Amino acid sequence: MSDQIITVYGTVWCGDCRRTRRFLDEHQIEYQWINIDQDKVGEQYVLKVNKGNRSVPTILFPDGSILVEPSNAQLAKKLNLAEPV
């Protein structure tokens, strides 16, 4: 994994995770996907940073910042993209 790639922790059944991935794909933002239902290390990371909650998507950015369950507008702001309509 590159330290310059966004890491998205989520699940395949989560609607917010699908929306986040679609947003990143549409804006051609490279990211690493970690399905916490299949990756127990990833699940433990999510639990740790969310105080025991399995909150997804949990997104780790190269600068070390984290967004949890962000809206498209929050993602756009973080990534310096035009606000979604």
PDB file of N, CA and C in Angstrom:
ATOM      1  N   MET A   1       0.843  -1.187   0.000  1.00  0.00           N
ATOM      2  CA  MET A   1       0.000   0.000   0.000  1.00  0.00           C
ATOM      3  C   MET A   1       0.881   1.240   0.000  1.00  0.00           C
ATOM      4  N   SER A   2       0.563   2.173  -0.837  1.00  0.00           N
ATOM      5  CA  SER A   2       1.279   3.435  -0.898  1.00  0.00           C
ATOM      6  C   SER A   2       0.776   4.360   0.196  1.00  0.00           C
ATOM      7  N   ASP A   3       1.689   5.140   0.768  1.00  0.00           N
ATOM      8  CA  ASP A   3       1.301   6.108   1.792  1.00  0.00           C
ATOM      9  C   ASP A   3       0.576   7.300   1.192  1.00  0.00           C
ATOM     10  N   GLN A   4       0.485   7.381  -0.123  1.00  0.00           N
ATOM     11  CA  GLN A   4      -0.156   8.509  -0.779  1.00  0.00           C
ATOM     12  C   GLN A   4      -1.549   8.177  -1.309  1.00  0.00           C
ATOM     13  N   ILE A   5      -2.063   7.024  -0.947  1.00  0.00           N
ATOM     14  CA  ILE A   5      -3.374   6.600  -1.436  1.00  0.00           C
ATOM     15  C   ILE A   5      -4.372   6.636  -0.279  1.00  0.00           C
ATOM     16  N   ILE A   6      -5.562   7.085  -0.563  1.00  0.00           N
ATOM     17  CA  ILE A   6      -6.656   7.071   0.403  1.00  0.00           C
ATOM     18  C   ILE A   6      -7.030   5.620   0.683  1.00  0.00           C
ATOM     19  N   THR A   7      -7.325   5.317   1.936  1.00  0.00           N
ATOM     20  CA  THR A   7      -7.790   3.988   2.303  1.00  0.00           C
ATOM     21  C   THR A   7      -9.226   4.102   2.784  1.00  0.00           C
ATOM     22  N   VAL A   8     -10.106   3.327   2.165  1.00  0.00           N
ATOM     23  CA  VAL A   8     -11.523   3.319   2.528  1.00  0.00           C
ATOM     24  C   VAL A   8     -11.828   1.985   3.196  1.00  0.00           C
ATOM     25  N   TYR A   9     -12.226   2.052   4.451  1.00  0.00           N
ATOM     26  CA  TYR A   9     -12.648   0.876   5.208  1.00  0.00           C
ATOM     27  C   TYR A   9     -14.166   0.830   5.169  1.00  0.00           C
ATOM     28  N   GLY A  10     -14.723  -0.312   4.765  1.00  0.00           N
ATOM     29  CA  GLY A  10     -16.172  -0.394   4.681  1.00  0.00           C
ATOM     30  C   GLY A  10     -16.648  -1.815   4.519  1.00  0.00           C
ATOM     31  N   THR A  11     -17.917  -1.930   4.133  1.00  0.00           N
ATOM     32  CA  THR A  11     -18.536  -3.222   3.874  1.00  0.00           C
ATOM     33  C   THR A  11     -19.294  -3.137   2.552  1.00  0.00           C
ATOM     34  N   VAL A  12     -19.511  -4.276   1.930  1.00  0.00           N
ATOM     35  CA  VAL A  12     -20.204  -4.281   0.640  1.00  0.00           C
ATOM     36  C   VAL A  12     -21.691  -3.997   0.784  1.00  0.00           C
ATOM     37  N   TRP A  13     -22.263  -4.245   1.952  1.00  0.00           N
ATOM     38  CA  TRP A  13     -23.705  -4.063   2.153  1.00  0.00           C
ATOM     39  C   TRP A  13     -24.067  -2.653   2.624  1.00  0.00           C
ATOM     40  N   CYS A  14     -23.087  -1.818   2.879  1.00  0.00           N
ATOM     41  CA  CYS A  14     -23.313  -0.467   3.405  1.00  0.00           C
ATOM     42  C   CYS A  14     -23.584   0.519   2.264  1.00  0.00           C
ATOM     43  N   GLY A  15     -24.750   1.152   2.296  1.00  0.00           N
ATOM     44  CA  GLY A  15     -25.116   2.129   1.264  1.00  0.00           C
ATOM     45  C   GLY A  15     -24.177   3.325   1.226  1.00  0.00           C
ATOM     46  N   ASP A  16     -23.760   3.828   2.391  1.00  0.00           N
ATOM     47  CA  ASP A  16     -22.829   4.966   2.419  1.00  0.00           C
ATOM     48  C   ASP A  16     -21.476   4.583   1.841  1.00  0.00           C
ATOM     49  N   CYS A  17     -21.066   3.331   2.047  1.00  0.00           N
ATOM     50  CA  CYS A  17     -19.796   2.854   1.470  1.00  0.00           C
ATOM     51  C   CYS A  17     -19.887   2.812  -0.052  1.00  0.00           C
ATOM     52  N   ARG A  18     -21.006   2.314  -0.572  1.00  0.00           N
ATOM     53  CA  ARG A  18     -21.185   2.274  -2.038  1.00  0.00           C
ATOM     54  C   ARG A  18     -21.208   3.691  -2.604  1.00  0.00           C
ATOM     55  N   ARG A  19     -21.889   4.614  -1.927  1.00  0.00           N
ATOM     56  CA  ARG A  19     -21.953   5.999  -2.394  1.00  0.00           C
ATOM     57  C   ARG A  19     -20.560   6.631  -2.388  1.00  0.00           C
ATOM     58  N   THR A  20     -19.801   6.389  -1.345  1.00  0.00           N
ATOM     59  CA  THR A  20     -18.447   6.938  -1.244  1.00  0.00           C
ATOM     60  C   THR A  20     -17.558   6.398  -2.353  1.00  0.00           C
ATOM     61  N   ARG A  21     -17.608   5.107  -2.583  1.00  0.00           N
ATOM     62  CA  ARG A  21     -16.793   4.507  -3.644  1.00  0.00           C
ATOM     63  C   ARG A  21     -17.199   5.044  -5.016  1.00  0.00           C
ATOM     64  N   ARG A  22     -18.498   5.200  -5.238  1.00  0.00           N
ATOM     65  CA  ARG A  22     -18.985   5.749  -6.507  1.00  0.00           C
ATOM     66  C   ARG A  22     -18.468   7.180  -6.684  1.00  0.00           C
ATOM     67  N   PHE A  23     -18.516   7.984  -5.630  1.00  0.00           N
ATOM     68  CA  PHE A  23     -18.022   9.361  -5.678  1.00  0.00           C
ATOM     69  C   PHE A  23     -16.530   9.392  -6.041  1.00  0.00           C
ATOM     70  N   LEU A  24     -15.737   8.574  -5.363  1.00  0.00           N
ATOM     71  CA  LEU A  24     -14.296   8.541  -5.639  1.00  0.00           C
ATOM     72  C   LEU A  24     -14.028   8.046  -7.058  1.00  0.00           C
ATOM     73  N   ASP A  25     -14.751   7.027  -7.493  1.00  0.00           N
ATOM     74  CA  ASP A  25     -14.582   6.505  -8.857  1.00  0.00           C
ATOM     75  C   ASP A  25     -14.942   7.565  -9.898  1.00  0.00           C
ATOM     76  N   GLU A  26     -16.067   8.253  -9.687  1.00  0.00           N
ATOM     77  CA  GLU A  26     -16.496   9.282 -10.644  1.00  0.00           C
ATOM     78  C   GLU A  26     -15.494  10.426 -10.760  1.00  0.00           C
ATOM     79  N   HIS A  27     -14.777  10.701  -9.668  1.00  0.00           N
ATOM     80  CA  HIS A  27     -13.777  11.772  -9.677  1.00  0.00           C
ATOM     81  C   HIS A  27     -12.363  11.242  -9.934  1.00  0.00           C
ATOM     82  N   GLN A  28     -12.283   9.960 -10.268  1.00  0.00           N
ATOM     83  CA  GLN A  28     -11.015   9.300 -10.596  1.00  0.00           C
ATOM     84  C   GLN A  28      -9.975   9.488  -9.495  1.00  0.00           C
ATOM     85  N   ILE A  29     -10.448   9.314  -8.255  1.00  0.00           N
ATOM     86  CA  ILE A  29      -9.573   9.394  -7.087  1.00  0.00           C
ATOM     87  C   ILE A  29      -9.135   7.968  -6.756  1.00  0.00           C
ATOM     88  N   GLU A  30      -7.830   7.742  -6.728  1.00  0.00           N
ATOM     89  CA  GLU A  30      -7.308   6.419  -6.416  1.00  0.00           C
ATOM     90  C   GLU A  30      -7.475   6.145  -4.922  1.00  0.00           C
ATOM     91  N   TYR A  31      -7.881   4.920  -4.598  1.00  0.00           N
ATOM     92  CA  TYR A  31      -8.033   4.548  -3.198  1.00  0.00           C
ATOM     93  C   TYR A  31      -7.853   3.043  -3.043  1.00  0.00           C
ATOM     94  N   GLN A  32      -7.560   2.658  -1.823  1.00  0.00           N
ATOM     95  CA  GLN A  32      -7.493   1.236  -1.483  1.00  0.00           C
ATOM     96  C   GLN A  32      -8.767   0.903  -0.723  1.00  0.00           C
ATOM     97  N   TRP A  33      -9.435  -0.161  -1.101  1.00  0.00           N
ATOM     98  CA  TRP A  33     -10.673  -0.614  -0.468  1.00  0.00           C
ATOM     99  C   TRP A  33     -10.351  -1.757   0.480  1.00  0.00           C
ATOM    100  N   ILE A  34     -10.816  -1.635   1.724  1.00  0.00           N
ATOM    101  CA  ILE A  34     -10.665  -2.719   2.693  1.00  0.00           C
ATOM    102  C   ILE A  34     -12.043  -3.075   3.218  1.00  0.00           C
ATOM    103  N   ASN A  35     -12.485  -4.293   2.900  1.00  0.00           N
ATOM    104  CA  ASN A  35     -13.775  -4.804   3.347  1.00  0.00           C
ATOM    105  C   ASN A  35     -13.576  -5.366   4.752  1.00  0.00           C
ATOM    106  N   ILE A  36     -14.103  -4.660   5.757  1.00  0.00           N
ATOM    107  CA  ILE A  36     -13.855  -5.078   7.134  1.00  0.00           C
ATOM    108  C   ILE A  36     -14.608  -6.345   7.518  1.00  0.00           C
ATOM    109  N   ASP A  37     -15.526  -6.811   6.681  1.00  0.00           N
ATOM    110  CA  ASP A  37     -16.154  -8.106   6.921  1.00  0.00           C
ATOM    111  C   ASP A  37     -15.188  -9.243   6.596  1.00  0.00           C
ATOM    112  N   GLN A  38     -14.196  -8.969   5.764  1.00  0.00           N
ATOM    113  CA  GLN A  38     -13.238  -9.997   5.353  1.00  0.00           C
ATOM    114  C   GLN A  38     -11.836  -9.742   5.893  1.00  0.00           C
ATOM    115  N   ASP A  39     -11.553  -8.537   6.332  1.00  0.00           N
ATOM    116  CA  ASP A  39     -10.216  -8.159   6.795  1.00  0.00           C
ATOM    117  C   ASP A  39     -10.310  -7.799   8.277  1.00  0.00           C
ATOM    118  N   LYS A  40      -9.903  -8.715   9.141  1.00  0.00           N
ATOM    119  CA  LYS A  40     -10.039  -8.501  10.583  1.00  0.00           C
ATOM    120  C   LYS A  40      -9.089  -7.423  11.104  1.00  0.00           C
ATOM    121  N   VAL A  41      -7.933  -7.257  10.467  1.00  0.00           N
ATOM    122  CA  VAL A  41      -7.032  -6.166  10.859  1.00  0.00           C
ATOM    123  C   VAL A  41      -7.693  -4.827  10.542  1.00  0.00           C
ATOM    124  N   GLY A  42      -8.317  -4.741   9.379  1.00  0.00           N
ATOM    125  CA  GLY A  42      -9.050  -3.540   9.013  1.00  0.00           C
ATOM    126  C   GLY A  42     -10.205  -3.271   9.961  1.00  0.00           C
ATOM    127  N   GLU A  43     -10.909  -4.323  10.328  1.00  0.00           N
ATOM    128  CA  GLU A  43     -12.018  -4.172  11.271  1.00  0.00           C
ATOM    129  C   GLU A  43     -11.517  -3.649  12.617  1.00  0.00           C
ATOM    130  N   GLN A  44     -10.409  -4.173  13.086  1.00  0.00           N
ATOM    131  CA  GLN A  44      -9.851  -3.712  14.360  1.00  0.00           C
ATOM    132  C   GLN A  44      -9.437  -2.242  14.289  1.00  0.00           C
ATOM    133  N   TYR A  45      -8.908  -1.819  13.137  1.00  0.00           N
ATOM    134  CA  TYR A  45      -8.542  -0.412  12.954  1.00  0.00           C
ATOM    135  C   TYR A  45      -9.790   0.472  13.059  1.00  0.00           C
ATOM    136  N   VAL A  46     -10.866   0.081  12.383  1.00  0.00           N
ATOM    137  CA  VAL A  46     -12.123   0.850  12.412  1.00  0.00           C
ATOM    138  C   VAL A  46     -12.650   0.929  13.843  1.00  0.00           C
ATOM    139  N   LEU A  47     -12.647  -0.191  14.543  1.00  0.00           N
ATOM    140  CA  LEU A  47     -13.115  -0.201  15.932  1.00  0.00           C
ATOM    141  C   LEU A  47     -12.265   0.714  16.808  1.00  0.00           C
ATOM    142  N   LYS A  48     -10.963   0.709  16.583  1.00  0.00           N
ATOM    143  CA  LYS A  48     -10.049   1.530  17.391  1.00  0.00           C
ATOM    144  C   LYS A  48     -10.297   3.023  17.171  1.00  0.00           C
ATOM    145  N   VAL A  49     -10.357   3.443  15.917  1.00  0.00           N
ATOM    146  CA  VAL A  49     -10.479   4.887  15.655  1.00  0.00           C
ATOM    147  C   VAL A  49     -11.889   5.407  15.898  1.00  0.00           C
ATOM    148  N   ASN A  50     -12.871   4.504  16.002  1.00  0.00           N
ATOM    149  CA  ASN A  50     -14.257   4.918  16.238  1.00  0.00           C
ATOM    150  C   ASN A  50     -14.746   4.513  17.627  1.00  0.00           C
ATOM    151  N   LYS A  51     -13.812   4.385  18.562  1.00  0.00           N
ATOM    152  CA  LYS A  51     -14.135   4.123  19.969  1.00  0.00           C
ATOM    153  C   LYS A  51     -15.053   2.913  20.145  1.00  0.00           C
ATOM    154  N   GLY A  52     -14.719   1.825  19.450  1.00  0.00           N
ATOM    155  CA  GLY A  52     -15.460   0.584  19.582  1.00  0.00           C
ATOM    156  C   GLY A  52     -16.630   0.426  18.629  1.00  0.00           C
ATOM    157  N   ASN A  53     -16.906   1.453  17.835  1.00  0.00           N
ATOM    158  CA  ASN A  53     -17.999   1.383  16.867  1.00  0.00           C
ATOM    159  C   ASN A  53     -17.489   0.927  15.514  1.00  0.00           C
ATOM    160  N   ARG A  54     -18.320   0.194  14.823  1.00  0.00           N
ATOM    161  CA  ARG A  54     -17.986  -0.318  13.485  1.00  0.00           C
ATOM    162  C   ARG A  54     -18.540   0.650  12.441  1.00  0.00           C
ATOM    163  N   SER A  55     -18.165   1.916  12.546  1.00  0.00           N
ATOM    164  CA  SER A  55     -18.697   2.984  11.688  1.00  0.00           C
ATOM    165  C   SER A  55     -17.986   2.982  10.346  1.00  0.00           C
ATOM    166  N   VAL A  56     -18.774   2.824   9.282  1.00  0.00           N
ATOM    167  CA  VAL A  56     -18.220   2.812   7.937  1.00  0.00           C
ATOM    168  C   VAL A  56     -19.077   3.664   7.010  1.00  0.00           C
ATOM    169  N   PRO A  57     -18.474   4.252   6.000  1.00  0.00           N
ATOM    170  CA  PRO A  57     -17.057   4.158   5.700  1.00  0.00           C
ATOM    171  C   PRO A  57     -16.215   4.999   6.654  1.00  0.00           C
ATOM    172  N   THR A  58     -15.069   4.453   6.997  1.00  0.00           N
ATOM    173  CA  THR A  58     -14.017   5.186   7.694  1.00  0.00           C
ATOM    174  C   THR A  58     -12.924   5.381   6.660  1.00  0.00           C
ATOM    175  N   ILE A  59     -12.568   6.644   6.412  1.00  0.00           N
ATOM    176  CA  ILE A  59     -11.637   6.961   5.324  1.00  0.00           C
ATOM    177  C   ILE A  59     -10.381   7.588   5.907  1.00  0.00           C
ATOM    178  N   LEU A  60      -9.244   6.969   5.627  1.00  0.00           N
ATOM    179  CA  LEU A  60      -7.945   7.454   6.069  1.00  0.00           C
ATOM    180  C   LEU A  60      -7.255   8.126   4.890  1.00  0.00           C
ATOM    181  N   PHE A  61      -6.855   9.383   5.091  1.00  0.00           N
ATOM    182  CA  PHE A  61      -6.200  10.155   4.041  1.00  0.00           C
ATOM    183  C   PHE A  61      -4.686  10.140   4.238  1.00  0.00           C
ATOM    184  N   PRO A  62      -3.926  10.380   3.167  1.00  0.00           N
ATOM    185  CA  PRO A  62      -2.466  10.345   3.255  1.00  0.00           C
ATOM    186  C   PRO A  62      -1.889  11.299   4.297  1.00  0.00           C
ATOM    187  N   ASP A  63      -2.612  12.378   4.624  1.00  0.00           N
ATOM    188  CA  ASP A  63      -2.114  13.320   5.630  1.00  0.00           C
ATOM    189  C   ASP A  63      -2.391  12.855   7.060  1.00  0.00           C
ATOM    190  N   GLY A  64      -3.009  11.659   7.201  1.00  0.00           N
ATOM    191  CA  GLY A  64      -3.293  11.110   8.519  1.00  0.00           C
ATOM    192  C   GLY A  64      -4.669  11.460   9.054  1.00  0.00           C
ATOM    193  N   SER A  65      -5.383  12.331   8.356  1.00  0.00           N
ATOM    194  CA  SER A  65      -6.727  12.696   8.802  1.00  0.00           C
ATOM    195  C   SER A  65      -7.718  11.594   8.447  1.00  0.00           C
ATOM    196  N   ILE A  66      -8.840  11.596   9.150  1.00  0.00           N
ATOM    197  CA  ILE A  66      -9.859  10.568   8.982  1.00  0.00           C
ATOM    198  C   ILE A  66     -11.223  11.233   8.864  1.00  0.00           C
ATOM    199  N   LEU A  67     -12.034  10.737   7.936  1.00  0.00           N
ATOM    200  CA  LEU A  67     -13.442  11.107   7.866  1.00  0.00           C
ATOM    201  C   LEU A  67     -14.255   9.833   8.073  1.00  0.00           C
ATOM    202  N   VAL A  68     -15.314   9.946   8.872  1.00  0.00           N
ATOM    203  CA  VAL A  68     -16.186   8.813   9.140  1.00  0.00           C
ATOM    204  C   VAL A  68     -17.585   9.157   8.644  1.00  0.00           C
ATOM    205  N   GLU A  69     -18.109   8.292   7.783  1.00  0.00           N
ATOM    206  CA  GLU A  69     -19.441   8.466   7.209  1.00  0.00           C
ATOM    207  C   GLU A  69     -19.641   9.866   6.618  1.00  0.00           C
ATOM    208  N   PRO A  70     -18.678  10.333   5.799  1.00  0.00           N
ATOM    209  CA  PRO A  70     -18.803  11.694   5.257  1.00  0.00           C
ATOM    210  C   PRO A  70     -19.847  11.777   4.147  1.00  0.00           C
ATOM    211  N   SER A  71     -20.406  12.961   4.004  1.00  0.00           N
ATOM    212  CA  SER A  71     -21.292  13.241   2.873  1.00  0.00           C
ATOM    213  C   SER A  71     -20.427  13.487   1.634  1.00  0.00           C
ATOM    214  N   ASN A  72     -21.056  13.518   0.471  1.00  0.00           N
ATOM    215  CA  ASN A  72     -20.319  13.847  -0.749  1.00  0.00           C
ATOM    216  C   ASN A  72     -19.736  15.257  -0.653  1.00  0.00           C
ATOM    217  N   ALA A  73     -20.467  16.178  -0.029  1.00  0.00           N
ATOM    218  CA  ALA A  73     -19.975  17.553   0.123  1.00  0.00           C
ATOM    219  C   ALA A  73     -18.729  17.585   1.003  1.00  0.00           C
ATOM    220  N   GLN A  74     -18.709  16.795   2.073  1.00  0.00           N
ATOM    221  CA  GLN A  74     -17.530  16.739   2.933  1.00  0.00           C
ATOM    222  C   GLN A  74     -16.337  16.141   2.186  1.00  0.00           C
ATOM    223  N   LEU A  75     -16.591  15.105   1.395  1.00  0.00           N
ATOM    224  CA  LEU A  75     -15.513  14.517   0.597  1.00  0.00           C
ATOM    225  C   LEU A  75     -14.978  15.518  -0.420  1.00  0.00           C
ATOM    226  N   ALA A  76     -15.893  16.219  -1.095  1.00  0.00           N
ATOM    227  CA  ALA A  76     -15.486  17.206  -2.100  1.00  0.00           C
ATOM    228  C   ALA A  76     -14.615  18.284  -1.459  1.00  0.00           C
ATOM    229  N   LYS A  77     -14.997  18.745  -0.281  1.00  0.00           N
ATOM    230  CA  LYS A  77     -14.226  19.781   0.408  1.00  0.00           C
ATOM    231  C   LYS A  77     -12.844  19.256   0.779  1.00  0.00           C
ATOM    232  N   LYS A  78     -12.777  18.063   1.341  1.00  0.00           N
ATOM    233  CA  LYS A  78     -11.513  17.470   1.747  1.00  0.00           C
ATOM    234  C   LYS A  78     -10.580  17.278   0.547  1.00  0.00           C
ATOM    235  N   LEU A  79     -11.149  16.905  -0.595  1.00  0.00           N
ATOM    236  CA  LEU A  79     -10.354  16.617  -1.783  1.00  0.00           C
ATOM    237  C   LEU A  79     -10.183  17.826  -2.708  1.00  0.00           C
ATOM    238  N   ASN A  80     -10.656  18.995  -2.246  1.00  0.00           N
ATOM    239  CA  ASN A  80     -10.560  20.226  -3.026  1.00  0.00           C
ATOM    240  C   ASN A  80     -11.240  20.103  -4.398  1.00  0.00           C
ATOM    241  N   LEU A  81     -12.411  19.475  -4.401  1.00  0.00           N
ATOM    242  CA  LEU A  81     -13.185  19.317  -5.612  1.00  0.00           C
ATOM    243  C   LEU A  81     -14.355  20.301  -5.577  1.00  0.00           C
ATOM    244  N   ALA A  82     -14.937  20.557  -6.739  1.00  0.00           N
ATOM    245  CA  ALA A  82     -16.126  21.399  -6.781  1.00  0.00           C
ATOM    246  C   ALA A  82     -17.241  20.720  -5.985  1.00  0.00           C
ATOM    247  N   GLU A  83     -17.997  21.503  -5.271  1.00  0.00           N
ATOM    248  CA  GLU A  83     -19.115  20.979  -4.482  1.00  0.00           C
ATOM    249  C   GLU A  83     -20.098  20.254  -5.391  1.00  0.00           C
ATOM    250  N   PRO A  84     -20.587  19.081  -4.959  1.00  0.00           N
ATOM    251  CA  PRO A  84     -21.600  18.375  -5.763  1.00  0.00           C
ATOM    252  C   PRO A  84     -22.910  19.144  -5.761  1.00  0.00           C
ATOM    253  N   VAL A  85     -23.662  18.982  -6.829  1.00  0.00           N
ATOM    254  CA  VAL A  85     -24.960  19.675  -6.945  1.00  0.00           C
ATOM    255  C   VAL A  85     -26.027  18.855  -6.255  1.00  0.00           C
TER     256      VAL A  85
END
